[in-house]
Amino acid sequence: MAVRASPFLSFAFLAMALGFAGGMPAAAVEPPAYAASPTLRKIHDTGLITVGYRLSSPPFSYLNLDRQPVGYSVDLCRQVVRAVRQRLEMPDLEVRMMGVSSATRLPLVANGTADLECGVTTHNVERESQVAFSLTIFVASSKLLSRKDAPVLSLDDLRGRPVATTLATTSIQFLQAENRRRGLEMKILAGLYDIEGFRMVTARQAAAYAMDDVLLQSLLAEAPDSAEYMIAPTPLTSEPYALVLRKGDPVFKRLVDDVLAGLYRSGEIQAIYAKWFLQPIPPRHINLQLPMSPALQRVIAHPTDSPDPAVYR
């Protein structure tokens, strides 16, 4: 049997279609908090945020005795996760911690597998073609570690000799560039993890290990024969560390930067820094006794996401 449409219902539907109710415009519906951010949309839709961390880069990101990721960078990322939960109104948002290496960290963020990477990643212009970066969270300098009985003070001391570093780092890029530019004929050996580069020096397979000074100090702090090694005083490069984000998502970057800037502004960053650089840390309760550098103090006073090393000198 045919059903005749009611004139009243037809008018009601027409009024709704035109956005009127009782002669007044219908209230605009606000877009959800994640609408303009691919990262937040993915997190919302999956109910999961994936955080990349380094397995063995103390005091920034490493595993404790319970095989749980801890460190300075990890603590900062946990603050970001808390902000994401608040923004999305998802207090029970699941967090998946994903171990990454120096070689996999950028690709995993670039392809969306990881939403955030918290480790020891230097922000430079070249890497901006793949990923985006937060405000700077630490400033390191690349230096040379060698044995005291065969000291290496500069790249000139490495002419024609083997030097160790870590795969897919700014240190190996620097060594390769200087090797070509200056014709040093160095043999560059690369380990997958920082400890592998250090072991090449301890085994006398390499004359020196080139890496960021804070990581070299951390390696020596845990070495039983640390007195047999030295770190050259002259820096090779400046290394501004940052959290790694997906490229082309300014909304998510703003959220991450707001979290970091808030920690800097409130002074909470001082306690987080002291926890990892001025106090004994697990698992061996070694104290790096590394006061905050003038470069990092300037970053905290005037936050920046600049990849230009000159900004931090």
C-alpha atoms as a PDB file:
ATOM      1  CA  MET A   1       0.000   0.000   0.000  1.00  0.00           C
ATOM      2  CA  ALA A   2       1.342   3.424  -0.912  1.00  0.00           C
ATOM      3  CA  VAL A   3       2.207   5.794   1.937  1.00  0.00           C
ATOM      4  CA  ARG A   4       1.469   9.470   1.407  1.00  0.00           C
ATOM      5  CA  ALA A   5       4.067  11.848   2.808  1.00  0.00           C
ATOM      6  CA  SER A   6       2.754  14.241   5.432  1.00  0.00           C
ATOM      7  CA  PRO A   7       3.041  17.929   4.458  1.00  0.00           C
ATOM      8  CA  PHE A   8       4.121  18.692   8.036  1.00  0.00           C
ATOM      9  CA  LEU A   9       6.885  16.132   7.940  1.00  0.00           C
ATOM     10  CA  SER A  10       8.011  17.397   4.558  1.00  0.00           C
ATOM     11  CA  PHE A  11       8.280  20.915   5.925  1.00  0.00           C
ATOM     12  CA  ALA A  12      10.159  19.680   9.004  1.00  0.00           C
ATOM     13  CA  PHE A  13      12.691  17.830   6.886  1.00  0.00           C
ATOM     14  CA  LEU A  14      13.075  20.875   4.636  1.00  0.00           C
ATOM     15  CA  ALA A  15      13.680  23.085   7.633  1.00  0.00           C
ATOM     16  CA  MET A  16      16.341  20.693   8.933  1.00  0.00           C
ATOM     17  CA  ALA A  17      18.002  20.547   5.539  1.00  0.00           C
ATOM     18  CA  LEU A  18      18.157  24.335   5.389  1.00  0.00           C
ATOM     19  CA  GLY A  19      19.610  24.455   8.895  1.00  0.00           C
ATOM     20  CA  PHE A  20      16.670  26.150  10.565  1.00  0.00           C
ATOM     21  CA  ALA A  21      14.679  25.186  13.617  1.00  0.00           C
ATOM     22  CA  GLY A  22      11.939  27.475  14.800  1.00  0.00           C
ATOM     23  CA  GLY A  23      13.128  30.126  12.360  1.00  0.00           C
ATOM     24  CA  MET A  24      16.665  30.223  13.930  1.00  0.00           C
ATOM     25  CA  PRO A  25      19.923  28.925  12.376  1.00  0.00           C
ATOM     26  CA  ALA A  26      21.042  25.552  13.769  1.00  0.00           C
ATOM     27  CA  ALA A  27      24.130  25.698  16.005  1.00  0.00           C
ATOM     28  CA  ALA A  28      27.337  24.837  14.154  1.00  0.00           C
ATOM     29  CA  VAL A  29      28.794  21.473  15.138  1.00  0.00           C
ATOM     30  CA  GLU A  30      32.395  21.794  16.291  1.00  0.00           C
ATOM     31  CA  PRO A  31      34.799  19.372  14.616  1.00  0.00           C
ATOM     32  CA  PRO A  32      36.364  16.787  16.940  1.00  0.00           C
ATOM     33  CA  ALA A  33      39.709  17.587  18.574  1.00  0.00           C
ATOM     34  CA  TYR A  34      41.526  15.220  16.238  1.00  0.00           C
ATOM     35  CA  ALA A  35      39.966  16.311  12.949  1.00  0.00           C
ATOM     36  CA  ALA A  36      42.874  18.403  11.663  1.00  0.00           C
ATOM     37  CA  SER A  37      45.655  16.052  12.773  1.00  0.00           C
ATOM     38  CA  PRO A  38      46.444  12.776  10.966  1.00  0.00           C
ATOM     39  CA  THR A  39      48.349  11.577  14.029  1.00  0.00           C
ATOM     40  CA  LEU A  40      45.596  12.365  16.542  1.00  0.00           C
ATOM     41  CA  ARG A  41      42.967  10.915  14.187  1.00  0.00           C
ATOM     42  CA  LYS A  42      44.906   7.657  13.934  1.00  0.00           C
ATOM     43  CA  ILE A  43      45.370   7.519  17.710  1.00  0.00           C
ATOM     44  CA  HIS A  44      41.678   8.206  18.294  1.00  0.00           C
ATOM     45  CA  ASP A  45      40.460   5.657  15.758  1.00  0.00           C
ATOM     46  CA  THR A  46      42.760   2.866  16.941  1.00  0.00           C
ATOM     47  CA  GLY A  47      42.606   3.660  20.659  1.00  0.00           C
ATOM     48  CA  LEU A  48      46.384   3.305  20.692  1.00  0.00           C
ATOM     49  CA  ILE A  49      49.447   5.590  20.721  1.00  0.00           C
ATOM     50  CA  THR A  50      52.761   4.032  19.702  1.00  0.00           C
ATOM     51  CA  VAL A  51      55.921   5.510  21.201  1.00  0.00           C
ATOM     52  CA  GLY A  52      59.351   4.596  19.868  1.00  0.00           C
ATOM     53  CA  TYR A  53      62.252   4.366  22.304  1.00  0.00           C
ATOM     54  CA  ARG A  54      65.939   3.412  22.178  1.00  0.00           C
ATOM     55  CA  LEU A  55      66.883   0.200  23.947  1.00  0.00           C
ATOM     56  CA  SER A  56      70.349   1.177  25.185  1.00  0.00           C
ATOM     57  CA  SER A  57      70.942   4.939  25.210  1.00  0.00           C
ATOM     58  CA  PRO A  58      71.068   5.929  28.893  1.00  0.00           C
ATOM     59  CA  PRO A  59      70.189   8.295  30.416  1.00  0.00           C
ATOM     60  CA  PHE A  60      67.793   9.263  27.613  1.00  0.00           C
ATOM     61  CA  SER A  61      66.079   6.018  26.657  1.00  0.00           C
ATOM     62  CA  TYR A  62      66.895   2.460  27.711  1.00  0.00           C
ATOM     63  CA  LEU A  63      65.537  -0.643  29.431  1.00  0.00           C
ATOM     64  CA  ASN A  64      65.699  -1.077  33.196  1.00  0.00           C
ATOM     65  CA  LEU A  65      66.052  -4.411  34.989  1.00  0.00           C
ATOM     66  CA  ASP A  66      62.321  -5.034  34.534  1.00  0.00           C
ATOM     67  CA  ARG A  67      62.751  -4.556  30.763  1.00  0.00           C
ATOM     68  CA  GLN A  68      60.701  -1.362  30.915  1.00  0.00           C
ATOM     69  CA  PRO A  69      61.768   1.743  28.940  1.00  0.00           C
ATOM     70  CA  VAL A  70      62.974   4.601  31.135  1.00  0.00           C
ATOM     71  CA  GLY A  71      65.014   7.773  30.727  1.00  0.00           C
ATOM     72  CA  TYR A  72      64.946  11.526  30.273  1.00  0.00           C
ATOM     73  CA  SER A  73      63.412  11.415  26.783  1.00  0.00           C
ATOM     74  CA  VAL A  74      60.948   8.717  27.843  1.00  0.00           C
ATOM     75  CA  ASP A  75      59.737  10.898  30.727  1.00  0.00           C
ATOM     76  CA  LEU A  76      59.134  13.776  28.314  1.00  0.00           C
ATOM     77  CA  CYS A  77      57.173  11.489  25.996  1.00  0.00           C
ATOM     78  CA  ARG A  78      55.033  10.319  28.903  1.00  0.00           C
ATOM     79  CA  GLN A  79      54.074  13.949  29.494  1.00  0.00           C
ATOM     80  CA  VAL A  80      53.038  14.147  25.825  1.00  0.00           C
ATOM     81  CA  VAL A  81      50.946  10.972  26.163  1.00  0.00           C
ATOM     82  CA  ARG A  82      49.127  12.493  29.133  1.00  0.00           C
ATOM     83  CA  ALA A  83      48.326  15.585  27.049  1.00  0.00           C
ATOM     84  CA  VAL A  84      47.048  13.417  24.177  1.00  0.00           C
ATOM     85  CA  ARG A  85      44.736  11.571  26.560  1.00  0.00           C
ATOM     86  CA  GLN A  86      43.334  14.889  27.765  1.00  0.00           C
ATOM     87  CA  ARG A  87      42.940  16.325  24.266  1.00  0.00           C
ATOM     88  CA  LEU A  88      41.106  13.258  22.985  1.00  0.00           C
ATOM     89  CA  GLU A  89      39.229  12.699  26.268  1.00  0.00           C
ATOM     90  CA  MET A  90      40.521   9.125  26.299  1.00  0.00           C
ATOM     91  CA  PRO A  91      41.876   8.470  29.821  1.00  0.00           C
ATOM     92  CA  ASP A  92      42.245   4.751  29.067  1.00  0.00           C
ATOM     93  CA  LEU A  93      44.189   5.279  25.820  1.00  0.00           C
ATOM     94  CA  GLU A  94      46.520   2.321  25.318  1.00  0.00           C
ATOM     95  CA  VAL A  95      50.244   3.052  25.048  1.00  0.00           C
ATOM     96  CA  ARG A  96      52.490   0.727  23.052  1.00  0.00           C
ATOM     97  CA  MET A  97      56.220   1.179  23.585  1.00  0.00           C
ATOM     98  CA  MET A  98      58.198   0.133  20.490  1.00  0.00           C
ATOM     99  CA  GLY A  99      61.948  -0.435  20.546  1.00  0.00           C
ATOM    100  CA  VAL A 100      63.775   1.281  17.681  1.00  0.00           C
ATOM    101  CA  SER A 101      67.387   1.554  16.553  1.00  0.00           C
ATOM    102  CA  SER A 102      69.313   4.426  15.023  1.00  0.00           C
ATOM    103  CA  ALA A 103      68.553   2.922  11.611  1.00  0.00           C
ATOM    104  CA  THR A 104      64.800   2.307  12.090  1.00  0.00           C
ATOM    105  CA  ARG A 105      63.662   5.279  14.213  1.00  0.00           C
ATOM    106  CA  LEU A 106      63.028   7.785  11.406  1.00  0.00           C
ATOM    107  CA  PRO A 107      61.409   5.372   8.900  1.00  0.00           C
ATOM    108  CA  LEU A 108      59.019   4.046  11.559  1.00  0.00           C
ATOM    109  CA  VAL A 109      57.787   7.551  12.363  1.00  0.00           C
ATOM    110  CA  ALA A 110      57.700   8.584   8.705  1.00  0.00           C
ATOM    111  CA  ASN A 111      55.474   5.643   7.720  1.00  0.00           C
ATOM    112  CA  GLY A 112      53.145   6.103  10.691  1.00  0.00           C
ATOM    113  CA  THR A 113      54.106   2.932  12.565  1.00  0.00           C
ATOM    114  CA  ALA A 114      55.311   5.024  15.516  1.00  0.00           C
ATOM    115  CA  ASP A 115      53.484   8.226  16.463  1.00  0.00           C
ATOM    116  CA  LEU A 116      56.384   9.664  18.452  1.00  0.00           C
ATOM    117  CA  GLU A 117      60.046   8.788  18.980  1.00  0.00           C
ATOM    118  CA  CYS A 118      61.819   9.607  22.215  1.00  0.00           C
ATOM    119  CA  GLY A 119      65.510   8.868  22.183  1.00  0.00           C
ATOM    120  CA  VAL A 120      68.727  10.654  21.233  1.00  0.00           C
ATOM    121  CA  THR A 121      67.818  11.973  17.809  1.00  0.00           C
ATOM    122  CA  THR A 122      69.558  15.038  16.421  1.00  0.00           C
ATOM    123  CA  HIS A 123      67.420  17.561  14.568  1.00  0.00           C
ATOM    124  CA  ASN A 124      69.079  18.647  11.334  1.00  0.00           C
ATOM    125  CA  VAL A 125      67.902  20.045   8.012  1.00  0.00           C
ATOM    126  CA  GLU A 126      68.537  16.832   6.082  1.00  0.00           C
ATOM    127  CA  ARG A 127      66.224  14.809   8.331  1.00  0.00           C
ATOM    128  CA  GLU A 128      63.413  17.333   7.914  1.00  0.00           C
ATOM    129  CA  SER A 129      62.758  15.793   4.486  1.00  0.00           C
ATOM    130  CA  GLN A 130      61.499  12.651   6.286  1.00  0.00           C
ATOM    131  CA  VAL A 131      60.059  13.709   9.639  1.00  0.00           C
ATOM    132  CA  ALA A 132      59.285  16.692  11.867  1.00  0.00           C
ATOM    133  CA  PHE A 133      60.842  17.621  15.207  1.00  0.00           C
ATOM    134  CA  SER A 134      59.695  19.064  18.506  1.00  0.00           C
ATOM    135  CA  LEU A 135      61.314  21.872  20.426  1.00  0.00           C
ATOM    136  CA  THR A 136      64.897  21.018  21.342  1.00  0.00           C
ATOM    137  CA  ILE A 137      65.125  18.907  24.521  1.00  0.00           C
ATOM    138  CA  PHE A 138      68.932  18.601  24.899  1.00  0.00           C
ATOM    139  CA  VAL A 139      72.115  19.913  23.315  1.00  0.00           C
ATOM    140  CA  ALA A 140      75.103  17.597  22.892  1.00  0.00           C
ATOM    141  CA  SER A 141      78.452  17.821  21.096  1.00  0.00           C
ATOM    142  CA  SER A 142      80.017  15.061  19.043  1.00  0.00           C
ATOM    143  CA  LYS A 143      83.513  14.171  20.319  1.00  0.00           C
ATOM    144  CA  LEU A 144      86.184  11.492  20.056  1.00  0.00           C
ATOM    145  CA  LEU A 145      86.774   8.801  22.682  1.00  0.00           C
ATOM    146  CA  SER A 146      90.081   6.941  22.672  1.00  0.00           C
ATOM    147  CA  ARG A 147      92.480   5.012  24.902  1.00  0.00           C
ATOM    148  CA  LYS A 148      94.782   7.125  27.063  1.00  0.00           C
ATOM    149  CA  ASP A 149      97.781   5.063  25.948  1.00  0.00           C
ATOM    150  CA  ALA A 150      96.959   5.979  22.317  1.00  0.00           C
ATOM    151  CA  PRO A 151      95.216   9.344  22.557  1.00  0.00           C
ATOM    152  CA  VAL A 152      93.238  10.804  19.657  1.00  0.00           C
ATOM    153  CA  LEU A 153      92.620  14.535  19.989  1.00  0.00           C
ATOM    154  CA  SER A 154      91.415  15.445  16.501  1.00  0.00           C
ATOM    155  CA  LEU A 155      90.469  14.019  13.128  1.00  0.00           C
ATOM    156  CA  ASP A 156      94.022  14.672  11.957  1.00  0.00           C
ATOM    157  CA  ASP A 157      95.156  12.000  14.417  1.00  0.00           C
ATOM    158  CA  LEU A 158      92.911   9.529  12.583  1.00  0.00           C
ATOM    159  CA  ARG A 159      94.432   9.954   9.143  1.00  0.00           C
ATOM    160  CA  GLY A 160      94.664   6.491   7.563  1.00  0.00           C
ATOM    161  CA  ARG A 161      93.353   4.807  10.729  1.00  0.00           C
ATOM    162  CA  PRO A 162      90.103   3.030  11.707  1.00  0.00           C
ATOM    163  CA  VAL A 163      87.475   5.036  13.599  1.00  0.00           C
ATOM    164  CA  ALA A 164      84.248   3.662  15.043  1.00  0.00           C
ATOM    165  CA  THR A 165      80.804   5.248  15.216  1.00  0.00           C
ATOM    166  CA  THR A 166      77.129   4.184  15.145  1.00  0.00           C
ATOM    167  CA  LEU A 167      75.066   3.383  12.077  1.00  0.00           C
ATOM    168  CA  ALA A 168      72.579   5.991  10.770  1.00  0.00           C
ATOM    169  CA  THR A 169      73.745   8.795  13.070  1.00  0.00           C
ATOM    170  CA  THR A 170      74.889  12.344  12.405  1.00  0.00           C
ATOM    171  CA  SER A 171      78.343  11.271  13.611  1.00  0.00           C
ATOM    172  CA  ILE A 172      78.811   8.812  10.765  1.00  0.00           C
ATOM    173  CA  GLN A 173      77.545  11.399   8.282  1.00  0.00           C
ATOM    174  CA  PHE A 174      80.070  13.905   9.623  1.00  0.00           C
ATOM    175  CA  LEU A 175      82.952  11.423   9.441  1.00  0.00           C
ATOM    176  CA  GLN A 176      82.085  10.419   5.882  1.00  0.00           C
ATOM    177  CA  ALA A 177      81.848  14.048   4.769  1.00  0.00           C
ATOM    178  CA  GLU A 178      85.154  15.025   6.392  1.00  0.00           C
ATOM    179  CA  ASN A 179      86.849  11.917   5.049  1.00  0.00           C
ATOM    180  CA  ARG A 180      85.932  12.935   1.499  1.00  0.00           C
ATOM    181  CA  ARG A 181      86.577  16.648   1.951  1.00  0.00           C
ATOM    182  CA  ARG A 182      89.962  16.334   3.614  1.00  0.00           C
ATOM    183  CA  GLY A 183      91.183  13.079   2.089  1.00  0.00           C
ATOM    184  CA  LEU A 184      91.848  11.568   5.507  1.00  0.00           C
ATOM    185  CA  GLU A 185      91.579   7.979   4.273  1.00  0.00           C
ATOM    186  CA  MET A 186      89.990   6.901   7.552  1.00  0.00           C
ATOM    187  CA  LYS A 187      88.377   3.469   7.724  1.00  0.00           C
ATOM    188  CA  ILE A 188      84.930   4.130   9.206  1.00  0.00           C
ATOM    189  CA  LEU A 189      83.477   1.229  11.200  1.00  0.00           C
ATOM    190  CA  ALA A 190      79.816   1.384  12.247  1.00  0.00           C
ATOM    191  CA  GLY A 191      78.019  -0.544  14.965  1.00  0.00           C
ATOM    192  CA  LEU A 192      74.255  -0.888  15.238  1.00  0.00           C
ATOM    193  CA  TYR A 193      74.303   0.284  18.865  1.00  0.00           C
ATOM    194  CA  ASP A 194      76.548   2.705  20.754  1.00  0.00           C
ATOM    195  CA  ILE A 195      78.082  -0.006  22.922  1.00  0.00           C
ATOM    196  CA  GLU A 196      79.370  -1.745  19.786  1.00  0.00           C
ATOM    197  CA  GLY A 197      81.360   1.327  18.758  1.00  0.00           C
ATOM    198  CA  PHE A 198      82.880   1.588  22.226  1.00  0.00           C
ATOM    199  CA  ARG A 199      83.850  -2.092  22.182  1.00  0.00           C
ATOM    200  CA  MET A 200      85.758  -1.569  18.934  1.00  0.00           C
ATOM    201  CA  VAL A 201      88.008   0.841  20.840  1.00  0.00           C
ATOM    202  CA  THR A 202      88.355  -1.434  23.854  1.00  0.00           C
ATOM    203  CA  ALA A 203      89.353  -4.280  21.512  1.00  0.00           C
ATOM    204  CA  ARG A 204      91.755  -1.944  19.648  1.00  0.00           C
ATOM    205  CA  GLN A 205      89.887  -2.534  16.391  1.00  0.00           C
ATOM    206  CA  ALA A 206      89.410   1.254  16.145  1.00  0.00           C
ATOM    207  CA  ALA A 207      91.632   4.100  17.268  1.00  0.00           C
ATOM    208  CA  ALA A 208      88.676   6.183  18.441  1.00  0.00           C
ATOM    209  CA  TYR A 209      84.910   6.229  18.764  1.00  0.00           C
ATOM    210  CA  ALA A 210      83.062   9.304  17.473  1.00  0.00           C
ATOM    211  CA  MET A 211      79.734   9.971  19.207  1.00  0.00           C
ATOM    212  CA  ASP A 212      77.858  12.569  21.245  1.00  0.00           C
ATOM    213  CA  ASP A 213      79.681  13.534  24.426  1.00  0.00           C
ATOM    214  CA  VAL A 214      76.817  12.733  26.802  1.00  0.00           C
ATOM    215  CA  LEU A 215      76.570   9.199  25.389  1.00  0.00           C
ATOM    216  CA  LEU A 216      80.331   8.745  25.644  1.00  0.00           C
ATOM    217  CA  GLN A 217      80.209   9.850  29.287  1.00  0.00           C
ATOM    218  CA  SER A 218      77.391   7.407  29.943  1.00  0.00           C
ATOM    219  CA  LEU A 219      79.388   4.533  28.410  1.00  0.00           C
ATOM    220  CA  LEU A 220      82.459   5.383  30.475  1.00  0.00           C
ATOM    221  CA  ALA A 221      80.401   5.695  33.654  1.00  0.00           C
ATOM    222  CA  GLU A 222      79.435   2.038  33.318  1.00  0.00           C
ATOM    223  CA  ALA A 223      82.855   0.757  32.192  1.00  0.00           C
ATOM    224  CA  PRO A 224      84.913  -0.882  34.980  1.00  0.00           C
ATOM    225  CA  ASP A 225      88.150   0.303  33.325  1.00  0.00           C
ATOM    226  CA  SER A 226      86.936   3.830  32.509  1.00  0.00           C
ATOM    227  CA  ALA A 227      90.202   5.366  33.771  1.00  0.00           C
ATOM    228  CA  GLU A 228      91.946   3.891  30.721  1.00  0.00           C
ATOM    229  CA  TYR A 229      89.964   6.083  28.301  1.00  0.00           C
ATOM    230  CA  MET A 230      89.637   9.763  27.517  1.00  0.00           C
ATOM    231  CA  ILE A 231      87.275  12.061  25.620  1.00  0.00           C
ATOM    232  CA  ALA A 232      88.909  14.722  23.454  1.00  0.00           C
ATOM    233  CA  PRO A 233      87.966  18.224  24.657  1.00  0.00           C
ATOM    234  CA  THR A 234      87.359  19.750  21.226  1.00  0.00           C
ATOM    235  CA  PRO A 235      83.811  19.210  19.880  1.00  0.00           C
ATOM    236  CA  LEU A 236      83.333  18.089  16.294  1.00  0.00           C
ATOM    237  CA  THR A 237      79.693  19.176  15.930  1.00  0.00           C
ATOM    238  CA  SER A 238      76.719  20.562  17.891  1.00  0.00           C
ATOM    239  CA  GLU A 239      73.793  18.152  18.256  1.00  0.00           C
ATOM    240  CA  PRO A 240      70.337  19.509  19.218  1.00  0.00           C
ATOM    241  CA  TYR A 241      68.162  16.576  20.294  1.00  0.00           C
ATOM    242  CA  ALA A 242      64.390  16.584  19.782  1.00  0.00           C
ATOM    243  CA  LEU A 243      61.384  14.273  19.846  1.00  0.00           C
ATOM    244  CA  VAL A 244      60.545  12.946  16.373  1.00  0.00           C
ATOM    245  CA  LEU A 245      57.063  13.451  14.896  1.00  0.00           C
ATOM    246  CA  ARG A 246      55.236  12.741  11.674  1.00  0.00           C
ATOM    247  CA  LYS A 247      55.950  15.275   8.927  1.00  0.00           C
ATOM    248  CA  GLY A 248      53.064  17.500   7.800  1.00  0.00           C
ATOM    249  CA  ASP A 249      51.069  17.465  11.058  1.00  0.00           C
ATOM    250  CA  PRO A 250      51.365  20.961  12.579  1.00  0.00           C
ATOM    251  CA  VAL A 251      48.476  20.339  14.995  1.00  0.00           C
ATOM    252  CA  PHE A 252      50.236  17.405  16.669  1.00  0.00           C
ATOM    253  CA  LYS A 253      53.553  19.273  16.663  1.00  0.00           C
ATOM    254  CA  ARG A 254      51.868  22.202  18.414  1.00  0.00           C
ATOM    255  CA  LEU A 255      50.515  19.853  21.081  1.00  0.00           C
ATOM    256  CA  VAL A 256      53.972  18.330  21.676  1.00  0.00           C
ATOM    257  CA  ASP A 257      55.688  21.732  21.697  1.00  0.00           C
ATOM    258  CA  ASP A 258      53.105  23.142  24.106  1.00  0.00           C
ATOM    259  CA  VAL A 259      53.824  20.289  26.521  1.00  0.00           C
ATOM    260  CA  LEU A 260      57.579  20.900  26.398  1.00  0.00           C
ATOM    261  CA  ALA A 261      57.252  24.687  26.595  1.00  0.00           C
ATOM    262  CA  GLY A 262      54.978  24.253  29.611  1.00  0.00           C
ATOM    263  CA  LEU A 263      57.609  22.125  31.365  1.00  0.00           C
ATOM    264  CA  TYR A 264      60.251  24.724  30.586  1.00  0.00           C
ATOM    265  CA  ARG A 265      58.077  27.648  31.692  1.00  0.00           C
ATOM    266  CA  SER A 266      56.956  26.034  34.950  1.00  0.00           C
ATOM    267  CA  GLY A 267      60.430  24.861  35.895  1.00  0.00           C
ATOM    268  CA  GLU A 268      59.354  21.188  36.016  1.00  0.00           C
ATOM    269  CA  ILE A 269      62.087  20.405  33.493  1.00  0.00           C
ATOM    270  CA  GLN A 270      64.686  21.097  36.205  1.00  0.00           C
ATOM    271  CA  ALA A 271      63.474  18.171  38.321  1.00  0.00           C
ATOM    272  CA  ILE A 272      63.228  15.871  35.293  1.00  0.00           C
ATOM    273  CA  TYR A 273      66.763  16.817  34.234  1.00  0.00           C
ATOM    274  CA  ALA A 274      68.169  16.347  37.753  1.00  0.00           C
ATOM    275  CA  LYS A 275      66.550  12.911  38.004  1.00  0.00           C
ATOM    276  CA  TRP A 276      68.568  11.596  35.039  1.00  0.00           C
ATOM    277  CA  PHE A 277      71.764  13.673  34.965  1.00  0.00           C
ATOM    278  CA  LEU A 278      72.464  14.676  38.575  1.00  0.00           C
ATOM    279  CA  GLN A 279      71.240  11.679  40.563  1.00  0.00           C
ATOM    280  CA  PRO A 280      71.993   7.921  40.557  1.00  0.00           C
ATOM    281  CA  ILE A 281      70.008   6.160  37.831  1.00  0.00           C
ATOM    282  CA  PRO A 282      69.028   2.504  37.436  1.00  0.00           C
ATOM    283  CA  PRO A 283      70.075  -0.182  37.051  1.00  0.00           C
ATOM    284  CA  ARG A 284      73.584   0.352  38.506  1.00  0.00           C
ATOM    285  CA  HIS A 285      72.811   3.653  40.265  1.00  0.00           C
ATOM    286  CA  ILE A 286      75.552   5.531  38.464  1.00  0.00           C
ATOM    287  CA  ASN A 287      75.494   9.317  38.749  1.00  0.00           C
ATOM    288  CA  LEU A 288      76.647  11.124  35.599  1.00  0.00           C
ATOM    289  CA  GLN A 289      76.987  14.392  37.562  1.00  0.00           C
ATOM    290  CA  LEU A 290      76.344  16.366  34.397  1.00  0.00           C
ATOM    291  CA  PRO A 291      75.059  19.888  35.113  1.00  0.00           C
ATOM    292  CA  MET A 292      72.789  21.497  32.554  1.00  0.00           C
ATOM    293  CA  SER A 293      74.858  23.129  29.808  1.00  0.00           C
ATOM    294  CA  PRO A 294      74.588  26.854  29.045  1.00  0.00           C
ATOM    295  CA  ALA A 295      73.210  25.902  25.611  1.00  0.00           C
ATOM    296  CA  LEU A 296      70.321  23.921  27.140  1.00  0.00           C
ATOM    297  CA  GLN A 297      69.683  26.666  29.688  1.00  0.00           C
ATOM    298  CA  ARG A 298      69.223  29.094  26.794  1.00  0.00           C
ATOM    299  CA  VAL A 299      66.811  26.684  25.097  1.00  0.00           C
ATOM    300  CA  ILE A 300      64.706  26.439  28.251  1.00  0.00           C
ATOM    301  CA  ALA A 301      64.648  30.225  28.650  1.00  0.00           C
ATOM    302  CA  HIS A 302      63.880  30.746  24.954  1.00  0.00           C
ATOM    303  CA  PRO A 303      62.470  27.521  23.430  1.00  0.00           C
ATOM    304  CA  THR A 304      63.497  26.800  19.851  1.00  0.00           C
ATOM    305  CA  ASP A 305      63.159  24.034  17.288  1.00  0.00           C
ATOM    306  CA  SER A 306      66.006  25.286  15.124  1.00  0.00           C
ATOM    307  CA  PRO A 307      68.164  22.675  13.365  1.00  0.00           C
ATOM    308  CA  ASP A 308      70.998  25.212  12.952  1.00  0.00           C
ATOM    309  CA  PRO A 309      73.996  24.176  15.119  1.00  0.00           C
ATOM    310  CA  ALA A 310      75.128  27.810  15.296  1.00  0.00           C
ATOM    311  CA  VAL A 311      72.050  28.645  17.399  1.00  0.00           C
ATOM    312  CA  TYR A 312      73.374  26.436  20.213  1.00  0.00           C
ATOM    313  CA  ARG A 313      76.986  27.605  20.309  1.00  0.00           C
END
